[in-house]
Amino acid sequence: MSIFDRIGGAAAVTAAVDDFYRRLIADPALTHFFDGVDMKRLKTHQRSFIAAALGGPEPYLGRSMREAHSHLDISAAEFDRVVAHLVATLTDLEVSASIIEQVGSKLAPLKAEIVADNPTARAG
């Protein structure tokens, strides 16, 4: 059984994505990334990506992580902060620690694609 199925399928992914973005937007260190962003569209892409990454029934057909994030100038610390919000989201949704660890191992390789080589220092 896939991780997608074990966490509750599409309904669980939708709940996780909604809560995850609520947390990101509320975080003063991350909220600027979402200024002017069509959140409905972003959440749709994120649900598709997460579902596919966790073994859901549909392939992810969106842009590569590098292409989608290269213009954002994301630092390693910001990436790690996003991961912490994802872990908190999954924990609050009562996803088991072992599944959270599996999710982390699937998403960890993306750090190299998402983090900028020389991110601009930001106050915060």
PDB file of N, CA and C in Angstrom:
ATOM      1  N   MET A   1       0.848  -1.175   0.000  1.00  0.00           N
ATOM      2  CA  MET A   1       0.000   0.000   0.000  1.00  0.00           C
ATOM      3  C   MET A   1       0.899   1.247   0.000  1.00  0.00           C
ATOM      4  N   SER A   2       0.586   2.211  -0.831  1.00  0.00           N
ATOM      5  CA  SER A   2       1.399   3.426  -0.949  1.00  0.00           C
ATOM      6  C   SER A   2       1.225   4.323   0.276  1.00  0.00           C
ATOM      7  N   ILE A   3       2.168   5.230   0.453  1.00  0.00           N
ATOM      8  CA  ILE A   3       2.040   6.225   1.523  1.00  0.00           C
ATOM      9  C   ILE A   3       0.769   7.036   1.296  1.00  0.00           C
ATOM     10  N   PHE A   4       0.487   7.377   0.058  1.00  0.00           N
ATOM     11  CA  PHE A   4      -0.723   8.121  -0.298  1.00  0.00           C
ATOM     12  C   PHE A   4      -1.957   7.434   0.280  1.00  0.00           C
ATOM     13  N   ASP A   5      -2.067   6.127   0.085  1.00  0.00           N
ATOM     14  CA  ASP A   5      -3.217   5.380   0.600  1.00  0.00           C
ATOM     15  C   ASP A   5      -3.190   5.289   2.123  1.00  0.00           C
ATOM     16  N   ARG A   6      -2.007   5.087   2.690  1.00  0.00           N
ATOM     17  CA  ARG A   6      -1.899   4.911   4.143  1.00  0.00           C
ATOM     18  C   ARG A   6      -2.246   6.175   4.919  1.00  0.00           C
ATOM     19  N   ILE A   7      -2.041   7.354   4.315  1.00  0.00           N
ATOM     20  CA  ILE A   7      -2.395   8.578   5.040  1.00  0.00           C
ATOM     21  C   ILE A   7      -3.848   8.989   4.825  1.00  0.00           C
ATOM     22  N   GLY A   8      -4.548   8.316   3.922  1.00  0.00           N
ATOM     23  CA  GLY A   8      -5.957   8.627   3.717  1.00  0.00           C
ATOM     24  C   GLY A   8      -6.307   9.162   2.346  1.00  0.00           C
ATOM     25  N   GLY A   9      -5.391   9.043   1.391  1.00  0.00           N
ATOM     26  CA  GLY A   9      -5.685   9.397   0.007  1.00  0.00           C
ATOM     27  C   GLY A   9      -5.848  10.889  -0.240  1.00  0.00           C
ATOM     28  N   ALA A  10      -6.645  11.198  -1.249  1.00  0.00           N
ATOM     29  CA  ALA A  10      -6.799  12.580  -1.712  1.00  0.00           C
ATOM     30  C   ALA A  10      -7.336  13.503  -0.623  1.00  0.00           C
ATOM     31  N   ALA A  11      -8.264  13.025   0.192  1.00  0.00           N
ATOM     32  CA  ALA A  11      -8.828  13.873   1.250  1.00  0.00           C
ATOM     33  C   ALA A  11      -7.755  14.284   2.246  1.00  0.00           C
ATOM     34  N   ALA A  12      -6.883  13.361   2.601  1.00  0.00           N
ATOM     35  CA  ALA A  12      -5.809  13.669   3.548  1.00  0.00           C
ATOM     36  C   ALA A  12      -4.794  14.625   2.933  1.00  0.00           C
ATOM     37  N   VAL A  13      -4.476  14.438   1.665  1.00  0.00           N
ATOM     38  CA  VAL A  13      -3.533  15.336   0.990  1.00  0.00           C
ATOM     39  C   VAL A  13      -4.120  16.748   0.932  1.00  0.00           C
ATOM     40  N   THR A  14      -5.399  16.863   0.624  1.00  0.00           N
ATOM     41  CA  THR A  14      -6.052  18.176   0.581  1.00  0.00           C
ATOM     42  C   THR A  14      -5.998  18.853   1.944  1.00  0.00           C
ATOM     43  N   ALA A  15      -6.334  18.113   2.994  1.00  0.00           N
ATOM     44  CA  ALA A  15      -6.293  18.675   4.352  1.00  0.00           C
ATOM     45  C   ALA A  15      -4.880  19.112   4.718  1.00  0.00           C
ATOM     46  N   ALA A  16      -3.903  18.290   4.367  1.00  0.00           N
ATOM     47  CA  ALA A  16      -2.509  18.611   4.688  1.00  0.00           C
ATOM     48  C   ALA A  16      -2.045  19.854   3.936  1.00  0.00           C
ATOM     49  N   VAL A  17      -2.348  19.941   2.656  1.00  0.00           N
ATOM     50  CA  VAL A  17      -1.915  21.087   1.853  1.00  0.00           C
ATOM     51  C   VAL A  17      -2.566  22.373   2.364  1.00  0.00           C
ATOM     52  N   ASP A  18      -3.856  22.317   2.693  1.00  0.00           N
ATOM     53  CA  ASP A  18      -4.536  23.511   3.202  1.00  0.00           C
ATOM     54  C   ASP A  18      -3.905  23.994   4.505  1.00  0.00           C
ATOM     55  N   ASP A  19      -3.666  23.067   5.433  1.00  0.00           N
ATOM     56  CA  ASP A  19      -3.070  23.434   6.717  1.00  0.00           C
ATOM     57  C   ASP A  19      -1.631  23.909   6.531  1.00  0.00           C
ATOM     58  N   PHE A  20      -0.892  23.228   5.688  1.00  0.00           N
ATOM     59  CA  PHE A  20       0.507  23.561   5.412  1.00  0.00           C
ATOM     60  C   PHE A  20       0.639  25.002   4.918  1.00  0.00           C
ATOM     61  N   TYR A  21      -0.168  25.388   3.947  1.00  0.00           N
ATOM     62  CA  TYR A  21      -0.072  26.749   3.422  1.00  0.00           C
ATOM     63  C   TYR A  21      -0.581  27.781   4.419  1.00  0.00           C
ATOM     64  N   ARG A  22      -1.543  27.423   5.243  1.00  0.00           N
ATOM     65  CA  ARG A  22      -1.983  28.328   6.304  1.00  0.00           C
ATOM     66  C   ARG A  22      -0.796  28.650   7.208  1.00  0.00           C
ATOM     67  N   ARG A  23      -0.021  27.638   7.542  1.00  0.00           N
ATOM     68  CA  ARG A  23       1.160  27.827   8.393  1.00  0.00           C
ATOM     69  C   ARG A  23       2.237  28.664   7.695  1.00  0.00           C
ATOM     70  N   LEU A  24       2.488  28.368   6.429  1.00  0.00           N
ATOM     71  CA  LEU A  24       3.531  29.103   5.704  1.00  0.00           C
ATOM     72  C   LEU A  24       3.194  30.584   5.590  1.00  0.00           C
ATOM     73  N   ILE A  25       1.947  30.874   5.272  1.00  0.00           N
ATOM     74  CA  ILE A  25       1.530  32.269   5.117  1.00  0.00           C
ATOM     75  C   ILE A  25       1.566  33.002   6.456  1.00  0.00           C
ATOM     76  N   ALA A  26       1.314  32.291   7.538  1.00  0.00           N
ATOM     77  CA  ALA A  26       1.341  32.909   8.876  1.00  0.00           C
ATOM     78  C   ALA A  26       2.758  33.107   9.406  1.00  0.00           C
ATOM     79  N   ASP A  27       3.744  32.492   8.780  1.00  0.00           N
ATOM     80  CA  ASP A  27       5.130  32.588   9.242  1.00  0.00           C
ATOM     81  C   ASP A  27       5.760  33.865   8.679  1.00  0.00           C
ATOM     82  N   PRO A  28       6.129  34.812   9.555  1.00  0.00           N
ATOM     83  CA  PRO A  28       6.696  36.076   9.068  1.00  0.00           C
ATOM     84  C   PRO A  28       7.956  35.902   8.210  1.00  0.00           C
ATOM     85  N   ALA A  29       8.694  34.833   8.418  1.00  0.00           N
ATOM     86  CA  ALA A  29       9.917  34.609   7.640  1.00  0.00           C
ATOM     87  C   ALA A  29       9.635  34.031   6.256  1.00  0.00           C
ATOM     88  N   LEU A  30       8.412  33.554   6.039  1.00  0.00           N
ATOM     89  CA  LEU A  30       8.093  32.898   4.765  1.00  0.00           C
ATOM     90  C   LEU A  30       6.961  33.559   3.990  1.00  0.00           C
ATOM     91  N   THR A  31       6.155  34.359   4.643  1.00  0.00           N
ATOM     92  CA  THR A  31       4.949  34.894   4.013  1.00  0.00           C
ATOM     93  C   THR A  31       5.232  35.675   2.731  1.00  0.00           C
ATOM     94  N   HIS A  32       6.401  36.338   2.656  1.00  0.00           N
ATOM     95  CA  HIS A  32       6.719  37.145   1.468  1.00  0.00           C
ATOM     96  C   HIS A  32       6.782  36.310   0.189  1.00  0.00           C
ATOM     97  N   PHE A  33       7.034  35.031   0.315  1.00  0.00           N
ATOM     98  CA  PHE A  33       7.089  34.180  -0.875  1.00  0.00           C
ATOM     99  C   PHE A  33       5.719  34.066  -1.555  1.00  0.00           C
ATOM    100  N   PHE A  34       4.660  34.403  -0.825  1.00  0.00           N
ATOM    101  CA  PHE A  34       3.309  34.197  -1.335  1.00  0.00           C
ATOM    102  C   PHE A  34       2.600  35.490  -1.709  1.00  0.00           C
ATOM    103  N   ASP A  35       3.298  36.611  -1.636  1.00  0.00           N
ATOM    104  CA  ASP A  35       2.717  37.889  -2.048  1.00  0.00           C
ATOM    105  C   ASP A  35       2.339  37.819  -3.526  1.00  0.00           C
ATOM    106  N   GLY A  36       1.095  38.108  -3.821  1.00  0.00           N
ATOM    107  CA  GLY A  36       0.633  38.134  -5.199  1.00  0.00           C
ATOM    108  C   GLY A  36       0.460  36.775  -5.849  1.00  0.00           C
ATOM    109  N   VAL A  37       0.566  35.700  -5.074  1.00  0.00           N
ATOM    110  CA  VAL A  37       0.452  34.347  -5.624  1.00  0.00           C
ATOM    111  C   VAL A  37      -1.011  33.905  -5.612  1.00  0.00           C
ATOM    112  N   ASP A  38      -1.442  33.285  -6.684  1.00  0.00           N
ATOM    113  CA  ASP A  38      -2.776  32.687  -6.757  1.00  0.00           C
ATOM    114  C   ASP A  38      -2.745  31.414  -5.915  1.00  0.00           C
ATOM    115  N   MET A  39      -3.206  31.510  -4.676  1.00  0.00           N
ATOM    116  CA  MET A  39      -3.081  30.392  -3.741  1.00  0.00           C
ATOM    117  C   MET A  39      -3.929  29.189  -4.152  1.00  0.00           C
ATOM    118  N   LYS A  40      -5.065  29.429  -4.764  1.00  0.00           N
ATOM    119  CA  LYS A  40      -5.886  28.305  -5.218  1.00  0.00           C
ATOM    120  C   LYS A  40      -5.107  27.481  -6.248  1.00  0.00           C
ATOM    121  N   ARG A  41      -4.487  28.165  -7.167  1.00  0.00           N
ATOM    122  CA  ARG A  41      -3.694  27.489  -8.209  1.00  0.00           C
ATOM    123  C   ARG A  41      -2.484  26.783  -7.596  1.00  0.00           C
ATOM    124  N   LEU A  42      -1.794  27.469  -6.684  1.00  0.00           N
ATOM    125  CA  LEU A  42      -0.621  26.884  -6.042  1.00  0.00           C
ATOM    126  C   LEU A  42      -0.995  25.626  -5.261  1.00  0.00           C
ATOM    127  N   LYS A  43      -2.097  25.683  -4.527  1.00  0.00           N
ATOM    128  CA  LYS A  43      -2.532  24.514  -3.754  1.00  0.00           C
ATOM    129  C   LYS A  43      -2.889  23.348  -4.674  1.00  0.00           C
ATOM    130  N   THR A  44      -3.488  23.647  -5.815  1.00  0.00           N
ATOM    131  CA  THR A  44      -3.813  22.590  -6.781  1.00  0.00           C
ATOM    132  C   THR A  44      -2.536  21.905  -7.256  1.00  0.00           C
ATOM    133  N   HIS A  45      -1.519  22.694  -7.595  1.00  0.00           N
ATOM    134  CA  HIS A  45      -0.234  22.121  -8.024  1.00  0.00           C
ATOM    135  C   HIS A  45       0.404  21.319  -6.889  1.00  0.00           C
ATOM    136  N   GLN A  46       0.352  21.862  -5.681  1.00  0.00           N
ATOM    137  CA  GLN A  46       0.979  21.187  -4.544  1.00  0.00           C
ATOM    138  C   GLN A  46       0.280  19.865  -4.237  1.00  0.00           C
ATOM    139  N   ARG A  47      -1.045  19.846  -4.294  1.00  0.00           N
ATOM    140  CA  ARG A  47      -1.774  18.586  -4.064  1.00  0.00           C
ATOM    141  C   ARG A  47      -1.370  17.546  -5.094  1.00  0.00           C
ATOM    142  N   SER A  48      -1.272  17.960  -6.341  1.00  0.00           N
ATOM    143  CA  SER A  48      -0.874  17.049  -7.408  1.00  0.00           C
ATOM    144  C   SER A  48       0.535  16.517  -7.175  1.00  0.00           C
ATOM    145  N   PHE A  49       1.457  17.406  -6.821  1.00  0.00           N
ATOM    146  CA  PHE A  49       2.838  16.997  -6.583  1.00  0.00           C
ATOM    147  C   PHE A  49       2.939  16.041  -5.396  1.00  0.00           C
ATOM    148  N   ILE A  50       2.343  16.420  -4.269  1.00  0.00           N
ATOM    149  CA  ILE A  50       2.430  15.593  -3.058  1.00  0.00           C
ATOM    150  C   ILE A  50       1.782  14.235  -3.299  1.00  0.00           C
ATOM    151  N   ALA A  51       0.615  14.231  -3.911  1.00  0.00           N
ATOM    152  CA  ALA A  51      -0.068  12.959  -4.176  1.00  0.00           C
ATOM    153  C   ALA A  51       0.814  12.042  -5.018  1.00  0.00           C
ATOM    154  N   ALA A  52       1.403  12.566  -6.072  1.00  0.00           N
ATOM    155  CA  ALA A  52       2.267  11.748  -6.932  1.00  0.00           C
ATOM    156  C   ALA A  52       3.512  11.293  -6.183  1.00  0.00           C
ATOM    157  N   ALA A  53       4.117  12.198  -5.408  1.00  0.00           N
ATOM    158  CA  ALA A  53       5.337  11.851  -4.664  1.00  0.00           C
ATOM    159  C   ALA A  53       5.086  10.747  -3.642  1.00  0.00           C
ATOM    160  N   LEU A  54       3.853  10.675  -3.147  1.00  0.00           N
ATOM    161  CA  LEU A  54       3.514   9.676  -2.132  1.00  0.00           C
ATOM    162  C   LEU A  54       2.892   8.413  -2.722  1.00  0.00           C
ATOM    163  N   GLY A  55       2.930   8.302  -4.040  1.00  0.00           N
ATOM    164  CA  GLY A  55       2.443   7.084  -4.680  1.00  0.00           C
ATOM    165  C   GLY A  55       0.983   7.106  -5.064  1.00  0.00           C
ATOM    166  N   GLY A  56       0.413   8.300  -5.202  1.00  0.00           N
ATOM    167  CA  GLY A  56      -0.983   8.423  -5.614  1.00  0.00           C
ATOM    168  C   GLY A  56      -1.187   7.938  -7.041  1.00  0.00           C
ATOM    169  N   PRO A  57      -2.448   7.885  -7.462  1.00  0.00           N
ATOM    170  CA  PRO A  57      -2.770   7.273  -8.755  1.00  0.00           C
ATOM    171  C   PRO A  57      -2.422   8.105  -9.985  1.00  0.00           C
ATOM    172  N   GLU A  58      -2.209   9.399  -9.827  1.00  0.00           N
ATOM    173  CA  GLU A  58      -1.952  10.266 -10.974  1.00  0.00           C
ATOM    174  C   GLU A  58      -0.504  10.751 -10.982  1.00  0.00           C
ATOM    175  N   PRO A  59       0.121  10.816 -12.150  1.00  0.00           N
ATOM    176  CA  PRO A  59       1.488  11.344 -12.223  1.00  0.00           C
ATOM    177  C   PRO A  59       1.485  12.863 -12.046  1.00  0.00           C
ATOM    178  N   TYR A  60       2.590  13.399 -11.576  1.00  0.00           N
ATOM    179  CA  TYR A  60       2.758  14.853 -11.479  1.00  0.00           C
ATOM    180  C   TYR A  60       3.192  15.356 -12.843  1.00  0.00           C
ATOM    181  N   LEU A  61       2.462  16.313 -13.382  1.00  0.00           N
ATOM    182  CA  LEU A  61       2.748  16.823 -14.721  1.00  0.00           C
ATOM    183  C   LEU A  61       3.196  18.278 -14.713  1.00  0.00           C
ATOM    184  N   GLY A  62       3.458  18.820 -13.530  1.00  0.00           N
ATOM    185  CA  GLY A  62       3.861  20.216 -13.417  1.00  0.00           C
ATOM    186  C   GLY A  62       5.331  20.425 -13.717  1.00  0.00           C
ATOM    187  N   ARG A  63       5.775  21.655 -13.488  1.00  0.00           N
ATOM    188  CA  ARG A  63       7.171  22.017 -13.724  1.00  0.00           C
ATOM    189  C   ARG A  63       8.082  21.290 -12.741  1.00  0.00           C
ATOM    190  N   SER A  64       9.352  21.216 -13.097  1.00  0.00           N
ATOM    191  CA  SER A  64      10.334  20.642 -12.178  1.00  0.00           C
ATOM    192  C   SER A  64      10.439  21.547 -10.954  1.00  0.00           C
ATOM    193  N   MET A  65      10.923  20.992  -9.865  1.00  0.00           N
ATOM    194  CA  MET A  65      11.080  21.786  -8.648  1.00  0.00           C
ATOM    195  C   MET A  65      12.067  22.930  -8.867  1.00  0.00           C
ATOM    196  N   ARG A  66      13.116  22.682  -9.603  1.00  0.00           N
ATOM    197  CA  ARG A  66      14.095  23.740  -9.893  1.00  0.00           C
ATOM    198  C   ARG A  66      13.428  24.871 -10.678  1.00  0.00           C
ATOM    199  N   GLU A  67      12.688  24.524 -11.705  1.00  0.00           N
ATOM    200  CA  GLU A  67      12.029  25.532 -12.529  1.00  0.00           C
ATOM    201  C   GLU A  67      10.981  26.309 -11.729  1.00  0.00           C
ATOM    202  N   ALA A  68      10.238  25.618 -10.896  1.00  0.00           N
ATOM    203  CA  ALA A  68       9.164  26.257 -10.137  1.00  0.00           C
ATOM    204  C   ALA A  68       9.677  27.180  -9.033  1.00  0.00           C
ATOM    205  N   HIS A  69      10.893  26.935  -8.538  1.00  0.00           N
ATOM    206  CA  HIS A  69      11.386  27.684  -7.381  1.00  0.00           C
ATOM    207  C   HIS A  69      12.599  28.571  -7.655  1.00  0.00           C
ATOM    208  N   SER A  70      13.197  28.480  -8.827  1.00  0.00           N
ATOM    209  CA  SER A  70      14.464  29.186  -9.080  1.00  0.00           C
ATOM    210  C   SER A  70      14.356  30.697  -8.896  1.00  0.00           C
ATOM    211  N   HIS A  71      13.236  31.276  -9.202  1.00  0.00           N
ATOM    212  CA  HIS A  71      13.071  32.733  -9.094  1.00  0.00           C
ATOM    213  C   HIS A  71      12.845  33.202  -7.654  1.00  0.00           C
ATOM    214  N   LEU A  72      12.685  32.277  -6.717  1.00  0.00           N
ATOM    215  CA  LEU A  72      12.335  32.642  -5.342  1.00  0.00           C
ATOM    216  C   LEU A  72      13.531  32.900  -4.436  1.00  0.00           C
ATOM    217  N   ASP A  73      14.719  32.479  -4.837  1.00  0.00           N
ATOM    218  CA  ASP A  73      15.929  32.757  -4.061  1.00  0.00           C
ATOM    219  C   ASP A  73      15.809  32.202  -2.635  1.00  0.00           C
ATOM    220  N   ILE A  74      15.426  30.946  -2.524  1.00  0.00           N
ATOM    221  CA  ILE A  74      15.181  30.300  -1.231  1.00  0.00           C
ATOM    222  C   ILE A  74      16.498  29.853  -0.606  1.00  0.00           C
ATOM    223  N   SER A  75      16.676  30.183   0.663  1.00  0.00           N
ATOM    224  CA  SER A  75      17.879  29.773   1.400  1.00  0.00           C
ATOM    225  C   SER A  75      17.663  28.392   2.021  1.00  0.00           C
ATOM    226  N   ALA A  76      18.743  27.768   2.435  1.00  0.00           N
ATOM    227  CA  ALA A  76      18.648  26.470   3.114  1.00  0.00           C
ATOM    228  C   ALA A  76      17.843  26.601   4.402  1.00  0.00           C
ATOM    229  N   ALA A  77      18.035  27.694   5.133  1.00  0.00           N
ATOM    230  CA  ALA A  77      17.289  27.905   6.379  1.00  0.00           C
ATOM    231  C   ALA A  77      15.794  28.038   6.100  1.00  0.00           C
ATOM    232  N   GLU A  78      15.437  28.715   5.019  1.00  0.00           N
ATOM    233  CA  GLU A  78      14.017  28.851   4.660  1.00  0.00           C
ATOM    234  C   GLU A  78      13.443  27.503   4.243  1.00  0.00           C
ATOM    235  N   PHE A  79      14.197  26.741   3.489  1.00  0.00           N
ATOM    236  CA  PHE A  79      13.751  25.397   3.112  1.00  0.00           C
ATOM    237  C   PHE A  79      13.503  24.568   4.367  1.00  0.00           C
ATOM    238  N   ASP A  80      14.443  24.596   5.298  1.00  0.00           N
ATOM    239  CA  ASP A  80      14.302  23.817   6.529  1.00  0.00           C
ATOM    240  C   ASP A  80      13.091  24.268   7.340  1.00  0.00           C
ATOM    241  N   ARG A  81      12.807  25.555   7.308  1.00  0.00           N
ATOM    242  CA  ARG A  81      11.637  26.091   8.008  1.00  0.00           C
ATOM    243  C   ARG A  81      10.348  25.551   7.374  1.00  0.00           C
ATOM    244  N   VAL A  82      10.318  25.485   6.061  1.00  0.00           N
ATOM    245  CA  VAL A  82       9.162  24.924   5.351  1.00  0.00           C
ATOM    246  C   VAL A  82       8.985  23.451   5.731  1.00  0.00           C
ATOM    247  N   VAL A  83      10.078  22.711   5.768  1.00  0.00           N
ATOM    248  CA  VAL A  83      10.016  21.296   6.158  1.00  0.00           C
ATOM    249  C   VAL A  83       9.460  21.159   7.573  1.00  0.00           C
ATOM    250  N   ALA A  84       9.889  22.025   8.476  1.00  0.00           N
ATOM    251  CA  ALA A  84       9.383  21.976   9.855  1.00  0.00           C
ATOM    252  C   ALA A  84       7.875  22.201   9.888  1.00  0.00           C
ATOM    253  N   HIS A  85       7.380  23.095   9.054  1.00  0.00           N
ATOM    254  CA  HIS A  85       5.930  23.318   8.979  1.00  0.00           C
ATOM    255  C   HIS A  85       5.219  22.084   8.414  1.00  0.00           C
ATOM    256  N   LEU A  86       5.829  21.435   7.447  1.00  0.00           N
ATOM    257  CA  LEU A  86       5.230  20.218   6.900  1.00  0.00           C
ATOM    258  C   LEU A  86       5.163  19.129   7.961  1.00  0.00           C
ATOM    259  N   VAL A  87       6.230  18.948   8.707  1.00  0.00           N
ATOM    260  CA  VAL A  87       6.243  17.946   9.778  1.00  0.00           C
ATOM    261  C   VAL A  87       5.171  18.273  10.816  1.00  0.00           C
ATOM    262  N   ALA A  88       5.058  19.541  11.201  1.00  0.00           N
ATOM    263  CA  ALA A  88       4.041  19.944  12.173  1.00  0.00           C
ATOM    264  C   ALA A  88       2.635  19.688  11.640  1.00  0.00           C
ATOM    265  N   THR A  89       2.424  19.978  10.363  1.00  0.00           N
ATOM    266  CA  THR A  89       1.126  19.723   9.740  1.00  0.00           C
ATOM    267  C   THR A  89       0.782  18.243   9.808  1.00  0.00           C
ATOM    268  N   LEU A  90       1.704  17.399   9.379  1.00  0.00           N
ATOM    269  CA  LEU A  90       1.446  15.956   9.367  1.00  0.00           C
ATOM    270  C   LEU A  90       1.262  15.416  10.778  1.00  0.00           C
ATOM    271  N   THR A  91       2.034  15.919  11.718  1.00  0.00           N
ATOM    272  CA  THR A  91       1.894  15.498  13.114  1.00  0.00           C
ATOM    273  C   THR A  91       0.513  15.867  13.643  1.00  0.00           C
ATOM    274  N   ASP A  92       0.079  17.096  13.389  1.00  0.00           N
ATOM    275  CA  ASP A  92      -1.235  17.541  13.856  1.00  0.00           C
ATOM    276  C   ASP A  92      -2.375  16.775  13.194  1.00  0.00           C
ATOM    277  N   LEU A  93      -2.129  16.257  11.996  1.00  0.00           N
ATOM    278  CA  LEU A  93      -3.136  15.437  11.306  1.00  0.00           C
ATOM    279  C   LEU A  93      -3.031  13.965  11.709  1.00  0.00           C
ATOM    280  N   GLU A  94      -2.202  13.704  12.721  1.00  0.00           N
ATOM    281  CA  GLU A  94      -2.036  12.375  13.310  1.00  0.00           C
ATOM    282  C   GLU A  94      -1.455  11.341  12.352  1.00  0.00           C
ATOM    283  N   VAL A  95      -0.594  11.816  11.459  1.00  0.00           N
ATOM    284  CA  VAL A  95       0.171  10.907  10.611  1.00  0.00           C
ATOM    285  C   VAL A  95       1.274  10.322  11.490  1.00  0.00           C
ATOM    286  N   SER A  96       1.500   9.029  11.372  1.00  0.00           N
ATOM    287  CA  SER A  96       2.481   8.371  12.239  1.00  0.00           C
ATOM    288  C   SER A  96       3.896   8.873  11.969  1.00  0.00           C
ATOM    289  N   ALA A  97       4.732   8.779  12.993  1.00  0.00           N
ATOM    290  CA  ALA A  97       6.128   9.216  12.868  1.00  0.00           C
ATOM    291  C   ALA A  97       6.853   8.455  11.767  1.00  0.00           C
ATOM    292  N   SER A  98       6.555   7.171  11.611  1.00  0.00           N
ATOM    293  CA  SER A  98       7.244   6.393  10.574  1.00  0.00           C
ATOM    294  C   SER A  98       6.854   6.866   9.174  1.00  0.00           C
ATOM    295  N   ILE A  99       5.607   7.237   8.984  1.00  0.00           N
ATOM    296  CA  ILE A  99       5.185   7.747   7.673  1.00  0.00           C
ATOM    297  C   ILE A  99       5.776   9.136   7.443  1.00  0.00           C
ATOM    298  N   ILE A 100       5.809   9.971   8.489  1.00  0.00           N
ATOM    299  CA  ILE A 100       6.429  11.290   8.343  1.00  0.00           C
ATOM    300  C   ILE A 100       7.885  11.132   7.930  1.00  0.00           C
ATOM    301  N   GLU A 101       8.568  10.162   8.514  1.00  0.00           N
ATOM    302  CA  GLU A 101       9.964   9.899   8.148  1.00  0.00           C
ATOM    303  C   GLU A 101      10.072   9.471   6.683  1.00  0.00           C
ATOM    304  N   GLN A 102       9.140   8.635   6.229  1.00  0.00           N
ATOM    305  CA  GLN A 102       9.147   8.199   4.828  1.00  0.00           C
ATOM    306  C   GLN A 102       8.874   9.367   3.887  1.00  0.00           C
ATOM    307  N   VAL A 103       7.938  10.234   4.276  1.00  0.00           N
ATOM    308  CA  VAL A 103       7.655  11.426   3.474  1.00  0.00           C
ATOM    309  C   VAL A 103       8.913  12.281   3.385  1.00  0.00           C
ATOM    310  N   GLY A 104       9.570  12.474   4.517  1.00  0.00           N
ATOM    311  CA  GLY A 104      10.806  13.256   4.541  1.00  0.00           C
ATOM    312  C   GLY A 104      11.872  12.687   3.631  1.00  0.00           C
ATOM    313  N   SER A 105      12.004  11.368   3.625  1.00  0.00           N
ATOM    314  CA  SER A 105      13.033  10.759   2.775  1.00  0.00           C
ATOM    315  C   SER A 105      12.695  10.898   1.297  1.00  0.00           C
ATOM    316  N   LYS A 106      11.411  10.977   0.962  1.00  0.00           N
ATOM    317  CA  LYS A 106      11.017  11.187  -0.434  1.00  0.00           C
ATOM    318  C   LYS A 106      11.252  12.632  -0.870  1.00  0.00           C
ATOM    319  N   LEU A 107      11.079  13.574   0.064  1.00  0.00           N
ATOM    320  CA  LEU A 107      11.176  14.985  -0.289  1.00  0.00           C
ATOM    321  C   LEU A 107      12.566  15.583  -0.077  1.00  0.00           C
ATOM    322  N   ALA A 108      13.387  14.976   0.775  1.00  0.00           N
ATOM    323  CA  ALA A 108      14.718  15.521   1.089  1.00  0.00           C
ATOM    324  C   ALA A 108      15.589  15.766  -0.146  1.00  0.00           C
ATOM    325  N   PRO A 109      15.586  14.873  -1.135  1.00  0.00           N
ATOM    326  CA  PRO A 109      16.432  15.121  -2.313  1.00  0.00           C
ATOM    327  C   PRO A 109      16.058  16.390  -3.083  1.00  0.00           C
ATOM    328  N   LEU A 110      14.865  16.916  -2.839  1.00  0.00           N
ATOM    329  CA  LEU A 110      14.434  18.115  -3.555  1.00  0.00           C
ATOM    330  C   LEU A 110      15.127  19.379  -3.055  1.00  0.00           C
ATOM    331  N   LYS A 111      15.746  19.299  -1.887  1.00  0.00           N
ATOM    332  CA  LYS A 111      16.401  20.488  -1.326  1.00  0.00           C
ATOM    333  C   LYS A 111      17.406  21.069  -2.314  1.00  0.00           C
ATOM    334  N   ALA A 112      18.170  20.212  -2.954  1.00  0.00           N
ATOM    335  CA  ALA A 112      19.184  20.678  -3.910  1.00  0.00           C
ATOM    336  C   ALA A 112      18.556  21.378  -5.113  1.00  0.00           C
ATOM    337  N   GLU A 113      17.330  21.023  -5.452  1.00  0.00           N
ATOM    338  CA  GLU A 113      16.652  21.645  -6.586  1.00  0.00           C
ATOM    339  C   GLU A 113      15.965  22.951  -6.212  1.00  0.00           C
ATOM    340  N   ILE A 114      15.603  23.095  -4.945  1.00  0.00           N
ATOM    341  CA  ILE A 114      14.805  24.237  -4.500  1.00  0.00           C
ATOM    342  C   ILE A 114      15.652  25.366  -3.928  1.00  0.00           C
ATOM    343  N   VAL A 115      16.705  25.030  -3.196  1.00  0.00           N
ATOM    344  CA  VAL A 115      17.529  26.048  -2.540  1.00  0.00           C
ATOM    345  C   VAL A 115      18.428  26.734  -3.563  1.00  0.00           C
ATOM    346  N   ALA A 116      18.479  28.063  -3.479  1.00  0.00           N
ATOM    347  CA  ALA A 116      19.326  28.856  -4.376  1.00  0.00           C
ATOM    348  C   ALA A 116      20.798  28.628  -4.049  1.00  0.00           C
ATOM    349  N   ASP A 117      21.643  28.689  -5.066  1.00  0.00           N
ATOM    350  CA  ASP A 117      23.081  28.508  -4.863  1.00  0.00           C
ATOM    351  C   ASP A 117      23.672  29.591  -3.967  1.00  0.00           C
ATOM    352  N   ASN A 118      23.260  30.821  -4.183  1.00  0.00           N
ATOM    353  CA  ASN A 118      23.764  31.960  -3.393  1.00  0.00           C
ATOM    354  C   ASN A 118      22.593  32.872  -3.032  1.00  0.00           C
ATOM    355  N   PRO A 119      21.753  32.440  -2.085  1.00  0.00           N
ATOM    356  CA  PRO A 119      20.560  33.235  -1.772  1.00  0.00           C
ATOM    357  C   PRO A 119      20.914  34.594  -1.173  1.00  0.00           C
ATOM    358  N   THR A 120      20.077  35.555  -1.462  1.00  0.00           N
ATOM    359  CA  THR A 120      20.231  36.897  -0.927  1.00  0.00           C
ATOM    360  C   THR A 120      19.862  36.894   0.550  1.00  0.00           C
ATOM    361  N   ALA A 121      20.677  37.521   1.369  1.00  0.00           N
ATOM    362  CA  ALA A 121      20.357  37.615   2.800  1.00  0.00           C
ATOM    363  C   ALA A 121      19.139  38.514   2.971  1.00  0.00           C
ATOM    364  N   ARG A 122      18.222  38.080   3.838  1.00  0.00           N
ATOM    365  CA  ARG A 122      17.014  38.849   4.127  1.00  0.00           C
ATOM    366  C   ARG A 122      16.974  39.152   5.614  1.00  0.00           C
ATOM    367  N   ALA A 123      16.463  40.290   5.944  1.00  0.00           N
ATOM    368  CA  ALA A 123      16.258  40.609   7.366  1.00  0.00           C
ATOM    369  C   ALA A 123      15.107  39.757   7.863  1.00  0.00           C
ATOM    370  N   GLY A 124      15.178  39.335   9.098  1.00  0.00           N
ATOM    371  CA  GLY A 124      14.031  38.587   9.552  1.00  0.00           C
ATOM    372  C   GLY A 124      14.328  37.767  10.681  1.00  0.00           C
TER     373      GLY A 124
END
